[in-house]
């Protein structure tokens, strides 16, 4: 098969985004055989378009694991940045490709690349897409649970904004701060805006403050429709004090993890100790 090539490729070559290179195209479309031929003919795997997108970005964004493997083996820069500051790991997490994420980590990808005013972290991207398996792997690899994005806040904020219940559970079980605030807006405010009863219950169980007020001096319940299940749920939490059993449950979740809940009914924890555990 003849390989179309008008001129040789060079490391850091800059092309026109409207006329992407054949390497970009093959990586994006998952054409592994074509990509391998291009690499063997001397094409650079680090060629960039005007927006600094590399073939590795393209392959990760489309979840093309075989092409990612070929590019990395040929020396693709694992933490290359596009014009927005995103790395291939950000794109793989956005696409929800667990295989691509694993390959990138095997080649030294950073779980916590430095953020810019235009960049979300890989963990933010995974939460935005509801890719809980990627979230779990990122956390295992040391992703910062409180990584802060100027537009979204923490990954927990992002998960709540986008109705990603599974990601919320993973983050909270890993120790994410349930009352983290952006402009005084907490994850619970977002859950309330989305009328997500299950998410509201999970957040409150992990200690979310139902009385927290945002920059508009509004509590989470103020963002619900009166008479709706989410409104009734929050009103119940506002007017009903936690029982001893609920406090035990909260303390155990915060300190010992979900496995300890199996024996919660057998615990006899003094109220003062519960208070100490809950608010440490």
C-alpha atoms as a PDB file:
ATOM      1  CA  UNK A   1       0.000   0.000   0.000  1.00  0.00           C
ATOM      2  CA  UNK A   2       1.429   3.390  -0.964  1.00  0.00           C
ATOM      3  CA  UNK A   3       1.781   5.887   1.844  1.00  0.00           C
ATOM      4  CA  UNK A   4       0.774   9.399   0.897  1.00  0.00           C
ATOM      5  CA  UNK A   5       3.438  11.838   2.050  1.00  0.00           C
ATOM      6  CA  UNK A   6       4.083  15.288   0.594  1.00  0.00           C
ATOM      7  CA  UNK A   7       7.067  16.058   2.829  1.00  0.00           C
ATOM      8  CA  UNK A   8       8.964  14.460   5.723  1.00  0.00           C
ATOM      9  CA  UNK A   9       7.701  14.775   9.304  1.00  0.00           C
ATOM     10  CA  UNK A  10       9.773  16.279  12.070  1.00  0.00           C
ATOM     11  CA  UNK A  11       9.489  16.210  15.843  1.00  0.00           C
ATOM     12  CA  UNK A  12       7.268  19.091  16.915  1.00  0.00           C
ATOM     13  CA  UNK A  13       6.113  19.698  13.361  1.00  0.00           C
ATOM     14  CA  UNK A  14       3.175  22.097  13.248  1.00  0.00           C
ATOM     15  CA  UNK A  15       0.513  21.513  10.666  1.00  0.00           C
ATOM     16  CA  UNK A  16      -2.830  23.100   9.910  1.00  0.00           C
ATOM     17  CA  UNK A  17      -5.770  21.879  11.980  1.00  0.00           C
ATOM     18  CA  UNK A  18      -8.012  22.005   8.917  1.00  0.00           C
ATOM     19  CA  UNK A  19      -5.534  19.715   7.189  1.00  0.00           C
ATOM     20  CA  UNK A  20      -4.578  17.213   9.854  1.00  0.00           C
ATOM     21  CA  UNK A  21      -1.736  14.855   9.107  1.00  0.00           C
ATOM     22  CA  UNK A  22      -2.318  11.266   8.124  1.00  0.00           C
ATOM     23  CA  UNK A  23      -0.964  10.256  11.542  1.00  0.00           C
ATOM     24  CA  UNK A  24      -3.707  12.250  13.255  1.00  0.00           C
ATOM     25  CA  UNK A  25      -6.353  10.747  11.013  1.00  0.00           C
ATOM     26  CA  UNK A  26      -5.210   7.156  11.466  1.00  0.00           C
ATOM     27  CA  UNK A  27      -4.990   7.583  15.251  1.00  0.00           C
ATOM     28  CA  UNK A  28      -8.453   9.119  15.462  1.00  0.00           C
ATOM     29  CA  UNK A  29     -10.111   6.488  13.276  1.00  0.00           C
ATOM     30  CA  UNK A  30      -8.381   3.551  14.940  1.00  0.00           C
ATOM     31  CA  UNK A  31      -6.581   2.542  11.757  1.00  0.00           C
ATOM     32  CA  UNK A  32      -3.775   0.698  13.531  1.00  0.00           C
ATOM     33  CA  UNK A  33      -2.305  -0.901  10.403  1.00  0.00           C
ATOM     34  CA  UNK A  34      -2.197   2.434   8.582  1.00  0.00           C
ATOM     35  CA  UNK A  35      -0.690   4.098  11.655  1.00  0.00           C
ATOM     36  CA  UNK A  36       2.001   1.447  11.961  1.00  0.00           C
ATOM     37  CA  UNK A  37       2.930   1.872   8.296  1.00  0.00           C
ATOM     38  CA  UNK A  38       3.206   5.634   8.776  1.00  0.00           C
ATOM     39  CA  UNK A  39       5.430   5.216  11.818  1.00  0.00           C
ATOM     40  CA  UNK A  40       7.668   2.742  10.021  1.00  0.00           C
ATOM     41  CA  UNK A  41       7.976   5.156   7.091  1.00  0.00           C
ATOM     42  CA  UNK A  42       9.379   7.808   9.435  1.00  0.00           C
ATOM     43  CA  UNK A  43       6.294   9.838  10.341  1.00  0.00           C
ATOM     44  CA  UNK A  44       6.616  11.669  13.660  1.00  0.00           C
ATOM     45  CA  UNK A  45       4.239  10.515  16.396  1.00  0.00           C
ATOM     46  CA  UNK A  46       4.592  13.920  18.049  1.00  0.00           C
ATOM     47  CA  UNK A  47       3.466  16.028  15.101  1.00  0.00           C
ATOM     48  CA  UNK A  48       1.046  18.730  16.274  1.00  0.00           C
ATOM     49  CA  UNK A  49      -1.716  20.800  14.725  1.00  0.00           C
ATOM     50  CA  UNK A  50      -2.093  24.540  15.356  1.00  0.00           C
ATOM     51  CA  UNK A  51      -4.077  23.833  18.526  1.00  0.00           C
ATOM     52  CA  UNK A  52      -1.244  21.582  19.719  1.00  0.00           C
ATOM     53  CA  UNK A  53      -3.297  18.403  19.473  1.00  0.00           C
ATOM     54  CA  UNK A  54      -1.073  15.379  18.941  1.00  0.00           C
ATOM     55  CA  UNK A  55      -2.009  12.015  17.424  1.00  0.00           C
ATOM     56  CA  UNK A  56      -1.987  10.627  20.985  1.00  0.00           C
ATOM     57  CA  UNK A  57      -4.638  13.164  22.003  1.00  0.00           C
ATOM     58  CA  UNK A  58      -6.716  12.066  19.024  1.00  0.00           C
ATOM     59  CA  UNK A  59      -6.416   8.357  19.804  1.00  0.00           C
ATOM     60  CA  UNK A  60      -7.267   8.857  23.473  1.00  0.00           C
ATOM     61  CA  UNK A  61     -10.241  11.087  22.736  1.00  0.00           C
ATOM     62  CA  UNK A  62     -11.698   8.308  20.567  1.00  0.00           C
ATOM     63  CA  UNK A  63     -10.688   5.481  22.895  1.00  0.00           C
ATOM     64  CA  UNK A  64      -8.499   3.871  20.233  1.00  0.00           C
ATOM     65  CA  UNK A  65      -6.406   1.711  22.576  1.00  0.00           C
ATOM     66  CA  UNK A  66      -4.462  -0.128  19.874  1.00  0.00           C
ATOM     67  CA  UNK A  67      -3.358   3.140  18.320  1.00  0.00           C
ATOM     68  CA  UNK A  68      -2.466   4.532  21.747  1.00  0.00           C
ATOM     69  CA  UNK A  69      -0.256   1.494  22.311  1.00  0.00           C
ATOM     70  CA  UNK A  70       1.502   1.992  18.961  1.00  0.00           C
ATOM     71  CA  UNK A  71       2.046   5.711  19.519  1.00  0.00           C
ATOM     72  CA  UNK A  72       3.449   5.265  23.026  1.00  0.00           C
ATOM     73  CA  UNK A  73       5.743   2.481  21.883  1.00  0.00           C
ATOM     74  CA  UNK A  74       7.034   4.799  19.153  1.00  0.00           C
ATOM     75  CA  UNK A  75       7.868   7.560  21.634  1.00  0.00           C
ATOM     76  CA  UNK A  76       4.750   9.716  21.791  1.00  0.00           C
ATOM     77  CA  UNK A  77       4.923  12.295  24.591  1.00  0.00           C
ATOM     78  CA  UNK A  78       2.604  10.879  27.233  1.00  0.00           C
ATOM     79  CA  UNK A  79       1.867  14.233  28.917  1.00  0.00           C
ATOM     80  CA  UNK A  80       1.761  16.432  25.818  1.00  0.00           C
ATOM     81  CA  UNK A  81      -0.481  19.480  26.216  1.00  0.00           C
ATOM     82  CA  UNK A  82      -2.941  20.840  23.695  1.00  0.00           C
ATOM     83  CA  UNK A  83      -3.753  24.543  23.437  1.00  0.00           C
ATOM     84  CA  UNK A  84      -6.181  24.243  26.378  1.00  0.00           C
ATOM     85  CA  UNK A  85      -3.605  22.497  28.523  1.00  0.00           C
ATOM     86  CA  UNK A  86      -5.279  19.086  28.409  1.00  0.00           C
ATOM     87  CA  UNK A  87      -3.135  15.948  28.357  1.00  0.00           C
ATOM     88  CA  UNK A  88      -3.957  12.663  26.602  1.00  0.00           C
ATOM     89  CA  UNK A  89      -4.973  11.284  30.015  1.00  0.00           C
ATOM     90  CA  UNK A  90      -7.656  13.976  30.256  1.00  0.00           C
ATOM     91  CA  UNK A  91      -8.991  12.879  26.865  1.00  0.00           C
ATOM     92  CA  UNK A  92      -8.909   9.168  27.726  1.00  0.00           C
ATOM     93  CA  UNK A  93     -10.824   9.865  30.955  1.00  0.00           C
ATOM     94  CA  UNK A  94     -13.352  11.977  29.071  1.00  0.00           C
ATOM     95  CA  UNK A  95     -13.866   9.120  26.618  1.00  0.00           C
ATOM     96  CA  UNK A  96     -14.171   6.610  29.447  1.00  0.00           C
ATOM     97  CA  UNK A  97     -11.540   4.322  27.955  1.00  0.00           C
ATOM     98  CA  UNK A  98     -10.147   2.377  30.900  1.00  0.00           C
ATOM     99  CA  UNK A  99      -7.694   0.562  28.629  1.00  0.00           C
ATOM    100  CA  UNK A 100      -6.259   3.821  27.309  1.00  0.00           C
ATOM    101  CA  UNK A 101      -5.979   5.192  30.841  1.00  0.00           C
ATOM    102  CA  UNK A 102      -4.069   2.101  31.935  1.00  0.00           C
ATOM    103  CA  UNK A 103      -1.708   2.331  28.961  1.00  0.00           C
ATOM    104  CA  UNK A 104      -0.959   5.969  29.694  1.00  0.00           C
ATOM    105  CA  UNK A 105      -0.193   5.244  33.343  1.00  0.00           C
ATOM    106  CA  UNK A 106       2.080   2.369  32.303  1.00  0.00           C
ATOM    107  CA  UNK A 107       4.081   4.929  30.325  1.00  0.00           C
ATOM    108  CA  UNK A 108       4.335   7.417  33.169  1.00  0.00           C
ATOM    109  CA  UNK A 109       1.341   9.714  32.690  1.00  0.00           C
ATOM    110  CA  UNK A 110       0.773  12.170  35.548  1.00  0.00           C
ATOM    111  CA  UNK A 111      -2.462  11.687  37.476  1.00  0.00           C
ATOM    112  CA  UNK A 112      -2.306  15.332  38.594  1.00  0.00           C
ATOM    113  CA  UNK A 113      -1.019  17.512  35.742  1.00  0.00           C
ATOM    114  CA  UNK A 114      -0.757  21.186  36.658  1.00  0.00           C
ATOM    115  CA  UNK A 115      -4.043  22.957  35.989  1.00  0.00           C
ATOM    116  CA  UNK A 116      -4.472  26.152  34.016  1.00  0.00           C
ATOM    117  CA  UNK A 117      -7.420  28.537  33.835  1.00  0.00           C
ATOM    118  CA  UNK A 118      -8.680  26.531  30.844  1.00  0.00           C
ATOM    119  CA  UNK A 119      -7.969  23.014  32.080  1.00  0.00           C
ATOM    120  CA  UNK A 120      -9.854  20.437  34.116  1.00  0.00           C
ATOM    121  CA  UNK A 121      -7.964  17.564  35.719  1.00  0.00           C
ATOM    122  CA  UNK A 122      -8.249  13.957  34.487  1.00  0.00           C
ATOM    123  CA  UNK A 123     -10.419  13.234  37.541  1.00  0.00           C
ATOM    124  CA  UNK A 124     -12.752  16.106  36.637  1.00  0.00           C
ATOM    125  CA  UNK A 125     -13.026  14.761  33.088  1.00  0.00           C
ATOM    126  CA  UNK A 126     -13.816  11.235  34.280  1.00  0.00           C
ATOM    127  CA  UNK A 127     -16.515  12.545  36.635  1.00  0.00           C
ATOM    128  CA  UNK A 128     -17.990  14.759  33.944  1.00  0.00           C
ATOM    129  CA  UNK A 129     -18.494  11.736  31.724  1.00  0.00           C
ATOM    130  CA  UNK A 130     -19.699   9.486  34.528  1.00  0.00           C
ATOM    131  CA  UNK A 131     -16.820   7.090  34.002  1.00  0.00           C
ATOM    132  CA  UNK A 132     -16.641   5.605  37.494  1.00  0.00           C
ATOM    133  CA  UNK A 133     -14.140   2.865  36.591  1.00  0.00           C
ATOM    134  CA  UNK A 134     -11.721   5.532  35.405  1.00  0.00           C
ATOM    135  CA  UNK A 135     -12.405   7.472  38.608  1.00  0.00           C
ATOM    136  CA  UNK A 136     -11.456   4.423  40.683  1.00  0.00           C
ATOM    137  CA  UNK A 137      -8.229   3.883  38.749  1.00  0.00           C
ATOM    138  CA  UNK A 138      -7.279   7.553  38.948  1.00  0.00           C
ATOM    139  CA  UNK A 139      -7.770   7.543  42.712  1.00  0.00           C
ATOM    140  CA  UNK A 140      -5.665   4.385  43.001  1.00  0.00           C
ATOM    141  CA  UNK A 141      -2.935   6.173  41.056  1.00  0.00           C
ATOM    142  CA  UNK A 142      -2.991   9.130  43.425  1.00  0.00           C
ATOM    143  CA  UNK A 143      -5.355  11.590  41.740  1.00  0.00           C
ATOM    144  CA  UNK A 144      -6.103  14.533  44.036  1.00  0.00           C
ATOM    145  CA  UNK A 145      -9.679  14.350  45.313  1.00  0.00           C
ATOM    146  CA  UNK A 146      -9.742  18.090  45.979  1.00  0.00           C
ATOM    147  CA  UNK A 147      -8.215  19.208  42.687  1.00  0.00           C
ATOM    148  CA  UNK A 148      -9.841  22.575  42.042  1.00  0.00           C
ATOM    149  CA  UNK A 149     -11.114  23.816  38.712  1.00  0.00           C
ATOM    150  CA  UNK A 150     -11.978  27.515  38.386  1.00  0.00           C
ATOM    151  CA  UNK A 151     -15.236  26.817  36.587  1.00  0.00           C
ATOM    152  CA  UNK A 152     -16.450  23.641  38.270  1.00  0.00           C
ATOM    153  CA  UNK A 153     -14.842  23.396  41.697  1.00  0.00           C
ATOM    154  CA  UNK A 154     -13.828  19.924  42.865  1.00  0.00           C
ATOM    155  CA  UNK A 155     -14.444  16.590  41.108  1.00  0.00           C
ATOM    156  CA  UNK A 156     -17.323  16.001  43.548  1.00  0.00           C
ATOM    157  CA  UNK A 157     -18.941  19.234  42.351  1.00  0.00           C
ATOM    158  CA  UNK A 158     -18.582  18.049  38.756  1.00  0.00           C
ATOM    159  CA  UNK A 159     -20.099  14.642  39.523  1.00  0.00           C
ATOM    160  CA  UNK A 160     -23.097  16.272  41.214  1.00  0.00           C
ATOM    161  CA  UNK A 161     -23.598  18.867  38.480  1.00  0.00           C
ATOM    162  CA  UNK A 162     -23.707  16.105  35.874  1.00  0.00           C
ATOM    163  CA  UNK A 163     -25.891  13.643  37.821  1.00  0.00           C
ATOM    164  CA  UNK A 164     -23.115  11.043  38.099  1.00  0.00           C
ATOM    165  CA  UNK A 165     -24.285   9.116  41.163  1.00  0.00           C
ATOM    166  CA  UNK A 166     -21.787   6.265  40.777  1.00  0.00           C
ATOM    167  CA  UNK A 167     -18.907   8.730  40.662  1.00  0.00           C
ATOM    168  CA  UNK A 168     -20.258  10.528  43.719  1.00  0.00           C
ATOM    169  CA  UNK A 169     -20.235   7.248  45.648  1.00  0.00           C
ATOM    170  CA  UNK A 170     -16.665   6.448  44.591  1.00  0.00           C
ATOM    171  CA  UNK A 171     -15.404   9.918  45.522  1.00  0.00           C
ATOM    172  CA  UNK A 172     -17.096   9.982  48.917  1.00  0.00           C
ATOM    173  CA  UNK A 173     -15.930   6.497  49.829  1.00  0.00           C
ATOM    174  CA  UNK A 174     -12.407   7.584  48.909  1.00  0.00           C
ATOM    175  CA  UNK A 175     -12.617  10.539  51.293  1.00  0.00           C
ATOM    176  CA  UNK A 176     -13.659  13.509  49.150  1.00  0.00           C
ATOM    177  CA  UNK A 177     -14.758  16.524  51.193  1.00  0.00           C
ATOM    178  CA  UNK A 178     -18.533  16.498  51.073  1.00  0.00           C
ATOM    179  CA  UNK A 179     -18.869  20.173  52.031  1.00  0.00           C
ATOM    180  CA  UNK A 180     -16.216  21.557  49.694  1.00  0.00           C
ATOM    181  CA  UNK A 181     -17.438  24.884  48.360  1.00  0.00           C
ATOM    182  CA  UNK A 182     -17.043  26.978  45.242  1.00  0.00           C
ATOM    183  CA  UNK A 183     -18.450  30.476  45.783  1.00  0.00           C
ATOM    184  CA  UNK A 184     -20.069  28.951  48.893  1.00  0.00           C
ATOM    185  CA  UNK A 185     -21.886  26.477  46.637  1.00  0.00           C
ATOM    186  CA  UNK A 186     -21.600  22.881  47.862  1.00  0.00           C
ATOM    187  CA  UNK A 187     -22.137  19.580  46.022  1.00  0.00           C
ATOM    188  CA  UNK A 188     -25.483  19.344  47.829  1.00  0.00           C
ATOM    189  CA  UNK A 189     -26.648  22.552  46.162  1.00  0.00           C
ATOM    190  CA  UNK A 190     -26.018  20.929  42.781  1.00  0.00           C
ATOM    191  CA  UNK A 191     -27.782  17.708  43.761  1.00  0.00           C
ATOM    192  CA  UNK A 192     -30.764  19.803  44.862  1.00  0.00           C
ATOM    193  CA  UNK A 193     -30.799  21.761  41.586  1.00  0.00           C
ATOM    194  CA  UNK A 194     -30.923  18.475  39.696  1.00  0.00           C
ATOM    195  CA  UNK A 195     -33.728  17.157  41.936  1.00  0.00           C
ATOM    196  CA  UNK A 196     -31.623  14.059  42.584  1.00  0.00           C
ATOM    197  CA  UNK A 197     -33.082  12.396  45.691  1.00  0.00           C
ATOM    198  CA  UNK A 198     -30.643   9.473  45.727  1.00  0.00           C
ATOM    199  CA  UNK A 199     -27.679  11.807  45.456  1.00  0.00           C
ATOM    200  CA  UNK A 200     -29.068  14.071  48.174  1.00  0.00           C
ATOM    201  CA  UNK A 201     -29.455  11.105  50.512  1.00  0.00           C
ATOM    202  CA  UNK A 202     -25.903   9.886  49.818  1.00  0.00           C
ATOM    203  CA  UNK A 203     -24.388  13.323  50.393  1.00  0.00           C
ATOM    204  CA  UNK A 204     -26.295  13.848  53.641  1.00  0.00           C
ATOM    205  CA  UNK A 205     -25.306  10.388  54.843  1.00  0.00           C
ATOM    206  CA  UNK A 206     -21.682  11.439  54.375  1.00  0.00           C
ATOM    207  CA  UNK A 207     -22.237  14.621  56.355  1.00  0.00           C
ATOM    208  CA  UNK A 208     -23.399  17.217  53.826  1.00  0.00           C
ATOM    209  CA  UNK A 209     -24.630  20.395  55.501  1.00  0.00           C
ATOM    210  CA  UNK A 210     -28.292  20.898  54.577  1.00  0.00           C
ATOM    211  CA  UNK A 211     -28.159  24.434  56.020  1.00  0.00           C
ATOM    212  CA  UNK A 212     -25.203  25.619  53.901  1.00  0.00           C
ATOM    213  CA  UNK A 213     -25.907  28.847  52.044  1.00  0.00           C
ATOM    214  CA  UNK A 214     -24.375  29.793  48.698  1.00  0.00           C
ATOM    215  CA  UNK A 215     -23.369  33.207  47.370  1.00  0.00           C
ATOM    216  CA  UNK A 216     -27.059  34.012  46.894  1.00  0.00           C
ATOM    217  CA  UNK A 217     -27.784  33.136  50.527  1.00  0.00           C
ATOM    218  CA  UNK A 218     -29.827  30.126  49.438  1.00  0.00           C
ATOM    219  CA  UNK A 219     -29.863  26.690  51.025  1.00  0.00           C
ATOM    220  CA  UNK A 220     -30.051  23.504  48.921  1.00  0.00           C
ATOM    221  CA  UNK A 221     -33.791  23.164  49.591  1.00  0.00           C
ATOM    222  CA  UNK A 222     -34.361  26.568  47.979  1.00  0.00           C
ATOM    223  CA  UNK A 223     -33.336  25.087  44.630  1.00  0.00           C
ATOM    224  CA  UNK A 224     -35.977  22.377  44.682  1.00  0.00           C
ATOM    225  CA  UNK A 225     -39.588  22.535  43.543  1.00  0.00           C
ATOM    226  CA  UNK A 226     -41.948  22.802  46.539  1.00  0.00           C
ATOM    227  CA  UNK A 227     -43.726  19.511  47.131  1.00  0.00           C
ATOM    228  CA  UNK A 228     -41.254  17.510  45.032  1.00  0.00           C
ATOM    229  CA  UNK A 229     -39.529  14.381  46.432  1.00  0.00           C
ATOM    230  CA  UNK A 230     -36.200  16.208  46.616  1.00  0.00           C
ATOM    231  CA  UNK A 231     -37.772  19.133  48.463  1.00  0.00           C
ATOM    232  CA  UNK A 232     -39.500  16.811  50.925  1.00  0.00           C
ATOM    233  CA  UNK A 233     -36.252  14.917  51.443  1.00  0.00           C
ATOM    234  CA  UNK A 234     -34.278  18.046  52.311  1.00  0.00           C
ATOM    235  CA  UNK A 235     -37.044  19.419  54.509  1.00  0.00           C
ATOM    236  CA  UNK A 236     -37.053  16.144  56.405  1.00  0.00           C
ATOM    237  CA  UNK A 237     -33.294  16.347  56.983  1.00  0.00           C
ATOM    238  CA  UNK A 238     -33.611  19.958  58.118  1.00  0.00           C
ATOM    239  CA  UNK A 239     -36.311  19.258  60.668  1.00  0.00           C
ATOM    240  CA  UNK A 240     -35.378  15.778  61.867  1.00  0.00           C
ATOM    241  CA  UNK A 241     -32.281  15.467  64.105  1.00  0.00           C
ATOM    242  CA  UNK A 242     -29.955  12.574  63.427  1.00  0.00           C
ATOM    243  CA  UNK A 243     -30.655   9.498  65.498  1.00  0.00           C
ATOM    244  CA  UNK A 244     -27.952   7.660  67.415  1.00  0.00           C
ATOM    245  CA  UNK A 245     -27.902   4.974  64.730  1.00  0.00           C
ATOM    246  CA  UNK A 246     -27.466   7.554  61.964  1.00  0.00           C
ATOM    247  CA  UNK A 247     -24.606   9.188  63.831  1.00  0.00           C
ATOM    248  CA  UNK A 248     -22.956   5.800  64.258  1.00  0.00           C
ATOM    249  CA  UNK A 249     -23.395   5.148  60.556  1.00  0.00           C
ATOM    250  CA  UNK A 250     -21.839   8.481  59.660  1.00  0.00           C
ATOM    251  CA  UNK A 251     -18.918   7.984  62.042  1.00  0.00           C
ATOM    252  CA  UNK A 252     -18.180   4.500  60.757  1.00  0.00           C
ATOM    253  CA  UNK A 253     -18.361   5.591  57.107  1.00  0.00           C
ATOM    254  CA  UNK A 254     -15.961   8.443  57.729  1.00  0.00           C
ATOM    255  CA  UNK A 255     -13.432   6.486  59.740  1.00  0.00           C
ATOM    256  CA  UNK A 256     -13.658   2.825  58.872  1.00  0.00           C
ATOM    257  CA  UNK A 257     -15.259   2.545  55.436  1.00  0.00           C
ATOM    258  CA  UNK A 258     -18.273   0.732  54.065  1.00  0.00           C
ATOM    259  CA  UNK A 259     -17.237  -2.745  55.201  1.00  0.00           C
ATOM    260  CA  UNK A 260     -17.704  -1.697  58.822  1.00  0.00           C
ATOM    261  CA  UNK A 261     -21.408  -1.083  58.169  1.00  0.00           C
ATOM    262  CA  UNK A 262     -21.959  -4.833  58.312  1.00  0.00           C
ATOM    263  CA  UNK A 263     -21.497  -4.718  62.058  1.00  0.00           C
ATOM    264  CA  UNK A 264     -23.097  -1.346  62.731  1.00  0.00           C
ATOM    265  CA  UNK A 265     -26.050  -2.928  64.529  1.00  0.00           C
ATOM    266  CA  UNK A 266     -23.701  -4.488  67.061  1.00  0.00           C
ATOM    267  CA  UNK A 267     -21.876  -1.272  67.951  1.00  0.00           C
ATOM    268  CA  UNK A 268     -22.417   0.509  71.223  1.00  0.00           C
ATOM    269  CA  UNK A 269     -20.711   3.860  70.801  1.00  0.00           C
ATOM    270  CA  UNK A 270     -21.144   6.596  73.451  1.00  0.00           C
ATOM    271  CA  UNK A 271     -22.648   9.806  72.099  1.00  0.00           C
ATOM    272  CA  UNK A 272     -19.611  11.895  72.975  1.00  0.00           C
ATOM    273  CA  UNK A 273     -17.345   9.521  71.058  1.00  0.00           C
ATOM    274  CA  UNK A 274     -19.688   9.612  68.068  1.00  0.00           C
ATOM    275  CA  UNK A 275     -19.554  13.395  68.058  1.00  0.00           C
ATOM    276  CA  UNK A 276     -15.783  13.300  68.170  1.00  0.00           C
ATOM    277  CA  UNK A 277     -15.580  10.835  65.285  1.00  0.00           C
ATOM    278  CA  UNK A 278     -18.058  12.696  63.117  1.00  0.00           C
ATOM    279  CA  UNK A 279     -16.412  16.086  63.307  1.00  0.00           C
ATOM    280  CA  UNK A 280     -12.724  15.208  63.123  1.00  0.00           C
END
